[in-house]
C-alpha atoms as a PDB file:
ATOM      1  CA  MET A   1     104.127  54.995  94.414  1.00  0.00           C
ATOM      2  CA  GLY A   2     100.384  54.397  94.504  1.00  0.00           C
ATOM      3  CA  LEU A   3      97.605  56.228  96.187  1.00  0.00           C
ATOM      4  CA  PRO A   4      96.843  55.306  99.787  1.00  0.00           C
ATOM      5  CA  PHE A   5      93.894  53.030 100.453  1.00  0.00           C
ATOM      6  CA  ILE A   6      90.772  54.952 101.382  1.00  0.00           C
ATOM      7  CA  SER A   7      87.929  52.988 102.912  1.00  0.00           C
ATOM      8  CA  LEU A   8      84.513  52.620 101.383  1.00  0.00           C
ATOM      9  CA  ASN A   9      83.017  54.206 104.495  1.00  0.00           C
ATOM     10  CA  PHE A  10      85.065  57.333 103.795  1.00  0.00           C
ATOM     11  CA  TRP A  11      83.760  57.493 100.212  1.00  0.00           C
ATOM     12  CA  TRP A  12      80.147  57.122 101.387  1.00  0.00           C
ATOM     13  CA  GLY A  13      80.692  59.987 103.829  1.00  0.00           C
ATOM     14  CA  ALA A  14      82.458  62.050 101.181  1.00  0.00           C
ATOM     15  CA  SER A  15      79.614  61.486  98.731  1.00  0.00           C
ATOM     16  CA  VAL A  16      77.012  62.677 101.231  1.00  0.00           C
ATOM     17  CA  THR A  17      79.171  65.645 102.213  1.00  0.00           C
ATOM     18  CA  VAL A  18      79.874  66.858  98.687  1.00  0.00           C
ATOM     19  CA  THR A  19      76.205  66.470  97.787  1.00  0.00           C
ATOM     20  CA  ALA A  20      75.368  68.739 100.727  1.00  0.00           C
ATOM     21  CA  ILE A  21      78.064  71.201  99.619  1.00  0.00           C
ATOM     22  CA  PHE A  22      76.680  71.197  96.070  1.00  0.00           C
ATOM     23  CA  LEU A  23      73.145  71.894  97.285  1.00  0.00           C
ATOM     24  CA  ALA A  24      74.245  74.494  99.852  1.00  0.00           C
ATOM     25  CA  PHE A  25      76.251  76.318  97.175  1.00  0.00           C
ATOM     26  CA  PHE A  26      73.705  76.310  94.351  1.00  0.00           C
ATOM     27  CA  ILE A  27      70.218  76.345  95.922  1.00  0.00           C
ATOM     28  CA  PRO A  28      70.553  79.859  97.416  1.00  0.00           C
ATOM     29  CA  LEU A  29      71.740  81.185  94.040  1.00  0.00           C
ATOM     30  CA  MET A  30      68.714  79.946  92.132  1.00  0.00           C
ATOM     31  CA  PRO A  31      66.243  82.705  91.247  1.00  0.00           C
ATOM     32  CA  ASN A  32      63.015  80.705  91.422  1.00  0.00           C
ATOM     33  CA  LYS A  33      61.437  77.390  92.336  1.00  0.00           C
ATOM     34  CA  GLN A  34      61.936  75.857  88.883  1.00  0.00           C
ATOM     35  CA  TYR A  35      65.699  76.454  89.001  1.00  0.00           C
ATOM     36  CA  ARG A  36      65.906  75.171  92.602  1.00  0.00           C
ATOM     37  CA  ILE A  37      64.166  71.951  91.565  1.00  0.00           C
ATOM     38  CA  ARG A  38      66.670  71.529  88.731  1.00  0.00           C
ATOM     39  CA  MET A  39      69.531  71.901  91.187  1.00  0.00           C
ATOM     40  CA  LEU A  40      67.952  69.396  93.585  1.00  0.00           C
ATOM     41  CA  LEU A  41      67.685  66.888  90.716  1.00  0.00           C
ATOM     42  CA  ALA A  42      71.315  67.276  89.587  1.00  0.00           C
ATOM     43  CA  PRO A  43      72.801  65.028  92.315  1.00  0.00           C
ATOM     44  CA  VAL A  44      69.942  62.546  91.843  1.00  0.00           C
ATOM     45  CA  LEU A  45      70.791  62.293  88.145  1.00  0.00           C
ATOM     46  CA  GLY A  46      74.476  61.939  89.024  1.00  0.00           C
ATOM     47  CA  ILE A  47      73.688  59.073  91.380  1.00  0.00           C
ATOM     48  CA  ALA A  48      71.455  57.417  88.768  1.00  0.00           C
ATOM     49  CA  PHE A  49      74.228  57.705  86.182  1.00  0.00           C
ATOM     50  CA  CYS A  50      76.739  56.158  88.599  1.00  0.00           C
ATOM     51  CA  VAL A  51      74.427  53.268  89.451  1.00  0.00           C
ATOM     52  CA  ILE A  52      73.723  52.528  85.782  1.00  0.00           C
ATOM     53  CA  ALA A  53      77.407  52.793  84.851  1.00  0.00           C
ATOM     54  CA  ALA A  54      78.393  50.557  87.763  1.00  0.00           C
ATOM     55  CA  MET A  55      75.844  47.939  86.768  1.00  0.00           C
ATOM     56  CA  ALA A  56      76.797  48.069  83.089  1.00  0.00           C
ATOM     57  CA  LYS A  57      80.539  47.793  83.766  1.00  0.00           C
ATOM     58  CA  GLY A  58      80.412  45.621  86.865  1.00  0.00           C
ATOM     59  CA  LEU A  59      82.020  48.253  89.078  1.00  0.00           C
ATOM     60  CA  GLY A  60      81.764  48.368  92.848  1.00  0.00           C
ATOM     61  CA  ALA A  61      80.909  51.284  95.097  1.00  0.00           C
ATOM     62  CA  GLY A  62      84.602  51.807  95.831  1.00  0.00           C
ATOM     63  CA  GLU A  63      85.178  52.574  92.166  1.00  0.00           C
ATOM     64  CA  VAL A  64      82.090  54.695  91.553  1.00  0.00           C
ATOM     65  CA  LEU A  65      81.890  56.820  94.703  1.00  0.00           C
ATOM     66  CA  PRO A  66      85.249  58.608  94.168  1.00  0.00           C
ATOM     67  CA  MET A  67      84.161  59.639  90.679  1.00  0.00           C
ATOM     68  CA  TYR A  68      80.779  60.838  91.940  1.00  0.00           C
ATOM     69  CA  SER A  69      82.353  62.727  94.837  1.00  0.00           C
ATOM     70  CA  PHE A  70      84.862  64.607  92.699  1.00  0.00           C
ATOM     71  CA  ALA A  71      82.357  65.246  89.886  1.00  0.00           C
ATOM     72  CA  ILE A  72      79.739  66.766  92.199  1.00  0.00           C
ATOM     73  CA  LEU A  73      82.353  68.806  94.063  1.00  0.00           C
ATOM     74  CA  ALA A  74      83.762  70.158  90.777  1.00  0.00           C
ATOM     75  CA  PHE A  75      80.676  72.238  90.041  1.00  0.00           C
ATOM     76  CA  PRO A  76      80.666  74.454  93.124  1.00  0.00           C
ATOM     77  CA  ALA A  77      84.460  74.663  92.941  1.00  0.00           C
ATOM     78  CA  GLY A  78      84.166  75.740  89.306  1.00  0.00           C
ATOM     79  CA  PHE A  79      82.114  78.753  90.330  1.00  0.00           C
ATOM     80  CA  ILE A  80      84.242  79.899  93.254  1.00  0.00           C
ATOM     81  CA  GLY A  81      84.736  83.631  92.919  1.00  0.00           C
ATOM     82  CA  HIS A  82      81.813  83.982  90.504  1.00  0.00           C
ATOM     83  CA  ARG A  83      78.760  83.556  92.762  1.00  0.00           C
ATOM     84  CA  ARG A  84      77.515  87.151  92.447  1.00  0.00           C
ATOM     85  CA  GLU A  85      78.014  87.256  88.701  1.00  0.00           C
ATOM     86  CA  PHE A  86      76.374  83.856  88.263  1.00  0.00           C
ATOM     87  CA  ARG A  87      73.368  84.913  90.360  1.00  0.00           C
ATOM     88  CA  LYS A  88      73.055  88.190  88.441  1.00  0.00           C
ATOM     89  CA  ARG A  89      73.087  86.330  85.124  1.00  0.00           C
ATOM     90  CA  LEU A  90      70.473  83.861  86.346  1.00  0.00           C
ATOM     91  CA  LEU A  91      68.186  86.692  87.476  1.00  0.00           C
ATOM     92  CA  ASP A  92      68.638  88.384  84.078  1.00  0.00           C
ATOM     93  CA  ARG A  93      67.858  85.093  82.325  1.00  0.00           C
ATOM     94  CA  VAL A  94      64.599  84.734  84.252  1.00  0.00           C
ATOM     95  CA  ALA A  95      63.610  88.366  83.631  1.00  0.00           C
ATOM     96  CA  ASN A  96      64.648  88.676  79.975  1.00  0.00           C
ATOM     97  CA  GLY A  97      64.921  85.154  78.602  1.00  0.00           C
ATOM     98  CA  GLU A  98      68.038  83.299  77.598  1.00  0.00           C
ATOM     99  CA  SER A  99      70.589  85.250  75.586  1.00  0.00           C
ATOM    100  CA  PRO A 100      74.370  85.350  75.109  1.00  0.00           C
ATOM    101  CA  ALA A 101      74.446  88.354  77.457  1.00  0.00           C
ATOM    102  CA  ASN A 102      73.227  86.292  80.423  1.00  0.00           C
ATOM    103  CA  GLY A 103      75.134  83.081  79.673  1.00  0.00           C
ATOM    104  CA  LEU A 104      78.332  82.120  81.440  1.00  0.00           C
ATOM    105  CA  SER A 105      81.216  84.514  80.841  1.00  0.00           C
ATOM    106  CA  MET A 106      84.329  83.222  79.132  1.00  0.00           C
ATOM    107  CA  LEU A 107      86.209  83.320  82.452  1.00  0.00           C
ATOM    108  CA  MET A 108      83.482  81.319  84.213  1.00  0.00           C
ATOM    109  CA  GLN A 109      83.450  78.762  81.374  1.00  0.00           C
ATOM    110  CA  LEU A 110      87.229  78.417  81.449  1.00  0.00           C
ATOM    111  CA  GLN A 111      87.378  78.011  85.218  1.00  0.00           C
ATOM    112  CA  LEU A 112      84.521  75.490  85.216  1.00  0.00           C
ATOM    113  CA  VAL A 113      86.034  73.364  82.442  1.00  0.00           C
ATOM    114  CA  LEU A 114      89.482  73.343  84.054  1.00  0.00           C
ATOM    115  CA  VAL A 115      88.115  72.444  87.486  1.00  0.00           C
ATOM    116  CA  ILE A 116      85.948  69.676  86.047  1.00  0.00           C
ATOM    117  CA  ALA A 117      88.901  68.248  84.081  1.00  0.00           C
ATOM    118  CA  VAL A 118      91.130  68.234  87.165  1.00  0.00           C
ATOM    119  CA  ALA A 119      88.399  66.795  89.386  1.00  0.00           C
ATOM    120  CA  ALA A 120      87.592  64.059  86.853  1.00  0.00           C
ATOM    121  CA  SER A 121      91.268  63.136  86.665  1.00  0.00           C
ATOM    122  CA  ILE A 122      91.642  62.945  90.445  1.00  0.00           C
ATOM    123  CA  GLY A 123      88.390  61.021  90.747  1.00  0.00           C
ATOM    124  CA  ALA A 124      89.572  58.560  88.101  1.00  0.00           C
ATOM    125  CA  LEU A 125      92.884  58.054  89.942  1.00  0.00           C
ATOM    126  CA  PHE A 126      91.108  57.237  93.198  1.00  0.00           C
ATOM    127  CA  SER A 127      88.593  55.088  91.355  1.00  0.00           C
ATOM    128  CA  MET A 128      91.391  53.060  89.743  1.00  0.00           C
ATOM    129  CA  SER A 129      93.136  52.613  93.088  1.00  0.00           C
ATOM    130  CA  ALA A 130      90.085  50.959  94.679  1.00  0.00           C
ATOM    131  CA  PRO A 131      90.710  47.355  95.720  1.00  0.00           C
END
């Protein structure tokens, strides 16, 4: 049993939607302009990576957009339940410099890695099912 066909129009819409979700999730958490600019650039770098990978491997949009969509969505999903703690650690990092005390907690790291692994797997499945 294969995955159902999902149109390219859907994947374009999904890509725009998850980019908006990513920005809406992370921008308000950022403690200053420098961090907000970094977050604004993250989807741009993701898109650039996808375009370069697609050109290098001869992939079409139907193969690249599912991977982009799930990859970008994985990051906000990886921090669900940790927004306050993440914001607090970012504020501490800005005030006191980077240290192990204001890095990601073990639980945040574990959740983020697991969510990214699952999202990458699902994105790869949909990417492979593209016509």
